[in-house]
Amino acid sequence: MGRIMALDLGSRRIGVALSDPLGIIGQPFGMIERSDVSTEGAALRLIVAEQEVEEVVVGLPFTLAGAEGPAARAVREWLGAIEGELAIPIHTWDERLTTAAAQRVLVSGGVRRARRKRVVDQMAAALILQSYLDARRR
C-alpha cells in the first residue's frame, strides 16, 4: 500500500504531510514555497515518486457556514492547473479551522513564533491528512 499525501495551500507556502505506508498516521513532511504551477508540480511529482504516494488530499477552505468562498475557489483553480502534473487521484477535504488548530498545537508545544510561521502549513496539512485517514477507517 502506498502513502497518502495531504496539501495545505497557503498564500506563500504549500504545507505537505504524508501518511505512513499503512495509511494510519499522518505526519508533517515539509513545505513547498509558492511560485508557479510548473515549479510546484515538479516539486510534488518528486515527492510522489520518492515517497511512493498513491493519492493526494488537498484542504478545501470552506467558510464557517459551509460555503465555498474566494479561498476555496482559488484552491479549485489551482487544482485545475495541477491535476495534469500528477498522475494519481486527487481529492479535496474540508479544512475549516485547521490552520488555527495547527497554531494552537504549535503554541502549546512551545514552538517560537518565528519557527511557527515556517511550520504551520505543514502542521495544518498533517491535521487535514489525519482527519481524512480517520474518516476512511470509519
C-alpha atoms as a PDB file:
ATOM      1  CA  MET A   1       0.000   0.000   0.000  1.00  0.00           C
ATOM      2  CA  GLY A   2       1.317   3.451  -0.902  1.00  0.00           C
ATOM      3  CA  ARG A   3       1.294   6.636   1.083  1.00  0.00           C
ATOM      4  CA  ILE A   4      -1.266   9.407   1.016  1.00  0.00           C
ATOM      5  CA  MET A   5      -0.064  12.990   0.748  1.00  0.00           C
ATOM      6  CA  ALA A   6      -2.019  15.987   2.059  1.00  0.00           C
ATOM      7  CA  LEU A   7      -1.515  19.575   0.963  1.00  0.00           C
ATOM      8  CA  ASP A   8      -2.458  22.797   2.713  1.00  0.00           C
ATOM      9  CA  LEU A   9      -2.299  25.671   0.235  1.00  0.00           C
ATOM     10  CA  GLY A  10      -1.184  28.879   1.857  1.00  0.00           C
ATOM     11  CA  SER A  11      -0.557  32.153   0.096  1.00  0.00           C
ATOM     12  CA  ARG A  12       3.230  31.762   0.454  1.00  0.00           C
ATOM     13  CA  ARG A  13       3.760  28.059   1.085  1.00  0.00           C
ATOM     14  CA  ILE A  14       2.201  24.676   0.442  1.00  0.00           C
ATOM     15  CA  GLY A  15       2.293  22.534   3.557  1.00  0.00           C
ATOM     16  CA  VAL A  16       2.913  18.860   2.862  1.00  0.00           C
ATOM     17  CA  ALA A  17       2.097  15.889   5.083  1.00  0.00           C
ATOM     18  CA  LEU A  18       2.476  12.166   4.418  1.00  0.00           C
ATOM     19  CA  SER A  19       0.840   9.086   5.846  1.00  0.00           C
ATOM     20  CA  ASP A  20       2.738   6.043   6.956  1.00  0.00           C
ATOM     21  CA  PRO A  21       2.709   3.218   4.354  1.00  0.00           C
ATOM     22  CA  LEU A  22      -0.347   1.624   6.018  1.00  0.00           C
ATOM     23  CA  GLY A  23      -2.376   4.844   5.872  1.00  0.00           C
ATOM     24  CA  ILE A  24      -2.931   5.093   9.624  1.00  0.00           C
ATOM     25  CA  ILE A  25      -0.953   8.126  10.798  1.00  0.00           C
ATOM     26  CA  GLY A  26      -0.369  11.468   9.092  1.00  0.00           C
ATOM     27  CA  GLN A  27       2.786  13.436   9.817  1.00  0.00           C
ATOM     28  CA  PRO A  28       4.183  16.786   8.678  1.00  0.00           C
ATOM     29  CA  PHE A  29       6.650  16.258   5.832  1.00  0.00           C
ATOM     30  CA  GLY A  30       7.750  19.679   4.651  1.00  0.00           C
ATOM     31  CA  MET A  31       6.723  22.647   2.594  1.00  0.00           C
ATOM     32  CA  ILE A  32       6.982  23.978  -0.911  1.00  0.00           C
ATOM     33  CA  GLU A  33       7.445  27.693  -1.489  1.00  0.00           C
ATOM     34  CA  ARG A  34       4.674  29.032  -3.741  1.00  0.00           C
ATOM     35  CA  SER A  35       5.873  30.122  -7.164  1.00  0.00           C
ATOM     36  CA  ASP A  36       4.212  28.900 -10.354  1.00  0.00           C
ATOM     37  CA  VAL A  37       2.205  25.776 -11.107  1.00  0.00           C
ATOM     38  CA  SER A  38       5.002  24.238 -13.159  1.00  0.00           C
ATOM     39  CA  THR A  39       7.571  24.548 -10.347  1.00  0.00           C
ATOM     40  CA  GLU A  40       5.082  23.441  -7.707  1.00  0.00           C
ATOM     41  CA  GLY A  41       4.070  20.483  -9.892  1.00  0.00           C
ATOM     42  CA  ALA A  42       7.701  19.421 -10.329  1.00  0.00           C
ATOM     43  CA  ALA A  43       8.248  19.519  -6.559  1.00  0.00           C
ATOM     44  CA  LEU A  44       5.082  17.487  -5.960  1.00  0.00           C
ATOM     45  CA  ARG A  45       5.994  14.923  -8.648  1.00  0.00           C
ATOM     46  CA  LEU A  46       9.351  14.419  -6.931  1.00  0.00           C
ATOM     47  CA  ILE A  47       7.701  13.770  -3.562  1.00  0.00           C
ATOM     48  CA  VAL A  48       5.148  11.444  -5.166  1.00  0.00           C
ATOM     49  CA  ALA A  49       7.904   9.404  -6.821  1.00  0.00           C
ATOM     50  CA  GLU A  50      10.342   9.311  -3.901  1.00  0.00           C
ATOM     51  CA  GLN A  51       7.716   8.587  -1.222  1.00  0.00           C
ATOM     52  CA  GLU A  52       5.546   6.219  -3.289  1.00  0.00           C
ATOM     53  CA  VAL A  53       2.438   8.361  -2.915  1.00  0.00           C
ATOM     54  CA  GLU A  54      -0.743   6.835  -4.356  1.00  0.00           C
ATOM     55  CA  GLU A  55      -3.223   9.636  -3.730  1.00  0.00           C
ATOM     56  CA  VAL A  56      -3.354  13.287  -2.718  1.00  0.00           C
ATOM     57  CA  VAL A  57      -5.750  15.108  -0.406  1.00  0.00           C
ATOM     58  CA  VAL A  58      -5.946  18.889  -0.719  1.00  0.00           C
ATOM     59  CA  GLY A  59      -7.506  21.010   2.000  1.00  0.00           C
ATOM     60  CA  LEU A  60     -10.527  22.962   0.755  1.00  0.00           C
ATOM     61  CA  PRO A  61     -11.151  26.042   2.928  1.00  0.00           C
ATOM     62  CA  PHE A  62     -14.913  26.275   3.322  1.00  0.00           C
ATOM     63  CA  THR A  63     -16.335  29.242   5.200  1.00  0.00           C
ATOM     64  CA  LEU A  64     -17.638  28.640   8.722  1.00  0.00           C
ATOM     65  CA  ALA A  65     -21.130  28.490   7.195  1.00  0.00           C
ATOM     66  CA  GLY A  66     -20.004  25.608   4.973  1.00  0.00           C
ATOM     67  CA  ALA A  67     -19.976  27.543   1.717  1.00  0.00           C
ATOM     68  CA  GLU A  68     -17.169  27.869  -0.779  1.00  0.00           C
ATOM     69  CA  GLY A  69     -15.752  31.376  -0.648  1.00  0.00           C
ATOM     70  CA  PRO A  70     -12.898  33.034  -2.547  1.00  0.00           C
ATOM     71  CA  ALA A  71     -10.227  30.899  -0.837  1.00  0.00           C
ATOM     72  CA  ALA A  72     -11.954  27.655  -1.859  1.00  0.00           C
ATOM     73  CA  ARG A  73     -12.358  28.926  -5.418  1.00  0.00           C
ATOM     74  CA  ALA A  74      -8.621  29.715  -5.512  1.00  0.00           C
ATOM     75  CA  VAL A  75      -7.825  26.161  -4.383  1.00  0.00           C
ATOM     76  CA  ARG A  76     -10.132  24.701  -7.047  1.00  0.00           C
ATOM     77  CA  GLU A  77      -8.479  26.883  -9.691  1.00  0.00           C
ATOM     78  CA  TRP A  78      -5.026  25.673  -8.571  1.00  0.00           C
ATOM     79  CA  LEU A  79      -6.281  22.075  -8.655  1.00  0.00           C
ATOM     80  CA  GLY A  80      -7.460  22.541 -12.227  1.00  0.00           C
ATOM     81  CA  ALA A  81      -3.944  23.569 -13.183  1.00  0.00           C
ATOM     82  CA  ILE A  82      -2.059  20.977 -11.110  1.00  0.00           C
ATOM     83  CA  GLU A  83      -4.134  17.877 -11.943  1.00  0.00           C
ATOM     84  CA  GLY A  84      -2.295  17.495 -15.226  1.00  0.00           C
ATOM     85  CA  GLU A  85       1.022  17.496 -13.341  1.00  0.00           C
ATOM     86  CA  LEU A  86       0.164  14.467 -11.197  1.00  0.00           C
ATOM     87  CA  ALA A  87      -0.988  11.109 -12.499  1.00  0.00           C
ATOM     88  CA  ILE A  88      -2.653   9.961  -9.272  1.00  0.00           C
ATOM     89  CA  PRO A  89      -6.088  10.591  -7.722  1.00  0.00           C
ATOM     90  CA  ILE A  90      -6.555  13.995  -6.068  1.00  0.00           C
ATOM     91  CA  HIS A  91      -9.339  14.600  -3.522  1.00  0.00           C
ATOM     92  CA  THR A  92     -10.445  17.685  -1.625  1.00  0.00           C
ATOM     93  CA  TRP A  93     -11.135  17.647   2.100  1.00  0.00           C
ATOM     94  CA  ASP A  94     -12.824  20.182   4.377  1.00  0.00           C
ATOM     95  CA  GLU A  95     -10.070  22.053   6.164  1.00  0.00           C
ATOM     96  CA  ARG A  96     -12.092  24.560   8.183  1.00  0.00           C
ATOM     97  CA  LEU A  97     -10.011  25.894  11.078  1.00  0.00           C
ATOM     98  CA  THR A  98      -7.028  23.566  10.535  1.00  0.00           C
ATOM     99  CA  THR A  99      -4.552  26.454  10.415  1.00  0.00           C
ATOM    100  CA  ALA A 100      -5.931  27.798  13.700  1.00  0.00           C
ATOM    101  CA  ALA A 101      -5.747  24.315  15.227  1.00  0.00           C
ATOM    102  CA  ALA A 102      -2.180  23.912  13.951  1.00  0.00           C
ATOM    103  CA  GLN A 103      -1.249  27.247  15.560  1.00  0.00           C
ATOM    104  CA  ARG A 104      -2.708  26.053  18.891  1.00  0.00           C
ATOM    105  CA  VAL A 105      -0.770  22.779  18.724  1.00  0.00           C
ATOM    106  CA  LEU A 106       2.468  24.612  17.998  1.00  0.00           C
ATOM    107  CA  VAL A 107       1.910  27.221  20.737  1.00  0.00           C
ATOM    108  CA  SER A 108       1.079  24.534  23.306  1.00  0.00           C
ATOM    109  CA  GLY A 109       4.247  22.706  22.236  1.00  0.00           C
ATOM    110  CA  GLY A 110       6.324  25.792  22.986  1.00  0.00           C
ATOM    111  CA  VAL A 111       7.321  26.455  19.380  1.00  0.00           C
ATOM    112  CA  ARG A 112       8.618  30.004  18.985  1.00  0.00           C
ATOM    113  CA  ARG A 113       6.739  32.458  16.778  1.00  0.00           C
ATOM    114  CA  ALA A 114       9.406  32.617  14.033  1.00  0.00           C
ATOM    115  CA  ARG A 115       9.505  28.823  13.725  1.00  0.00           C
ATOM    116  CA  ARG A 116       5.687  28.583  13.846  1.00  0.00           C
ATOM    117  CA  LYS A 117       5.474  30.704  10.695  1.00  0.00           C
ATOM    118  CA  ARG A 118       7.706  28.213   8.890  1.00  0.00           C
ATOM    119  CA  VAL A 119       5.930  25.043  10.003  1.00  0.00           C
ATOM    120  CA  VAL A 120       2.255  25.966  10.442  1.00  0.00           C
ATOM    121  CA  ASP A 121       1.310  24.983   6.865  1.00  0.00           C
ATOM    122  CA  GLN A 122       2.829  21.517   7.170  1.00  0.00           C
ATOM    123  CA  MET A 123       1.186  21.026  10.579  1.00  0.00           C
ATOM    124  CA  ALA A 124      -2.170  22.075   9.044  1.00  0.00           C
ATOM    125  CA  ALA A 125      -1.559  19.557   6.226  1.00  0.00           C
ATOM    126  CA  ALA A 126      -0.958  16.852   8.845  1.00  0.00           C
ATOM    127  CA  LEU A 127      -4.265  17.713  10.549  1.00  0.00           C
ATOM    128  CA  ILE A 128      -6.080  17.564   7.193  1.00  0.00           C
ATOM    129  CA  LEU A 129      -4.470  14.209   6.447  1.00  0.00           C
ATOM    130  CA  GLN A 130      -5.250  12.712   9.852  1.00  0.00           C
ATOM    131  CA  SER A 131      -8.881  13.784   9.558  1.00  0.00           C
ATOM    132  CA  TYR A 132      -9.074  12.159   6.113  1.00  0.00           C
ATOM    133  CA  LEU A 133      -7.392   8.945   7.321  1.00  0.00           C
ATOM    134  CA  ASP A 134      -9.685   8.703  10.356  1.00  0.00           C
ATOM    135  CA  ALA A 135     -12.784   9.161   8.194  1.00  0.00           C
ATOM    136  CA  ARG A 136     -11.595   6.470   5.768  1.00  0.00           C
ATOM    137  CA  ARG A 137     -11.229   3.943   8.595  1.00  0.00           C
ATOM    138  CA  ARG A 138     -14.789   4.510   9.844  1.00  0.00           C
END
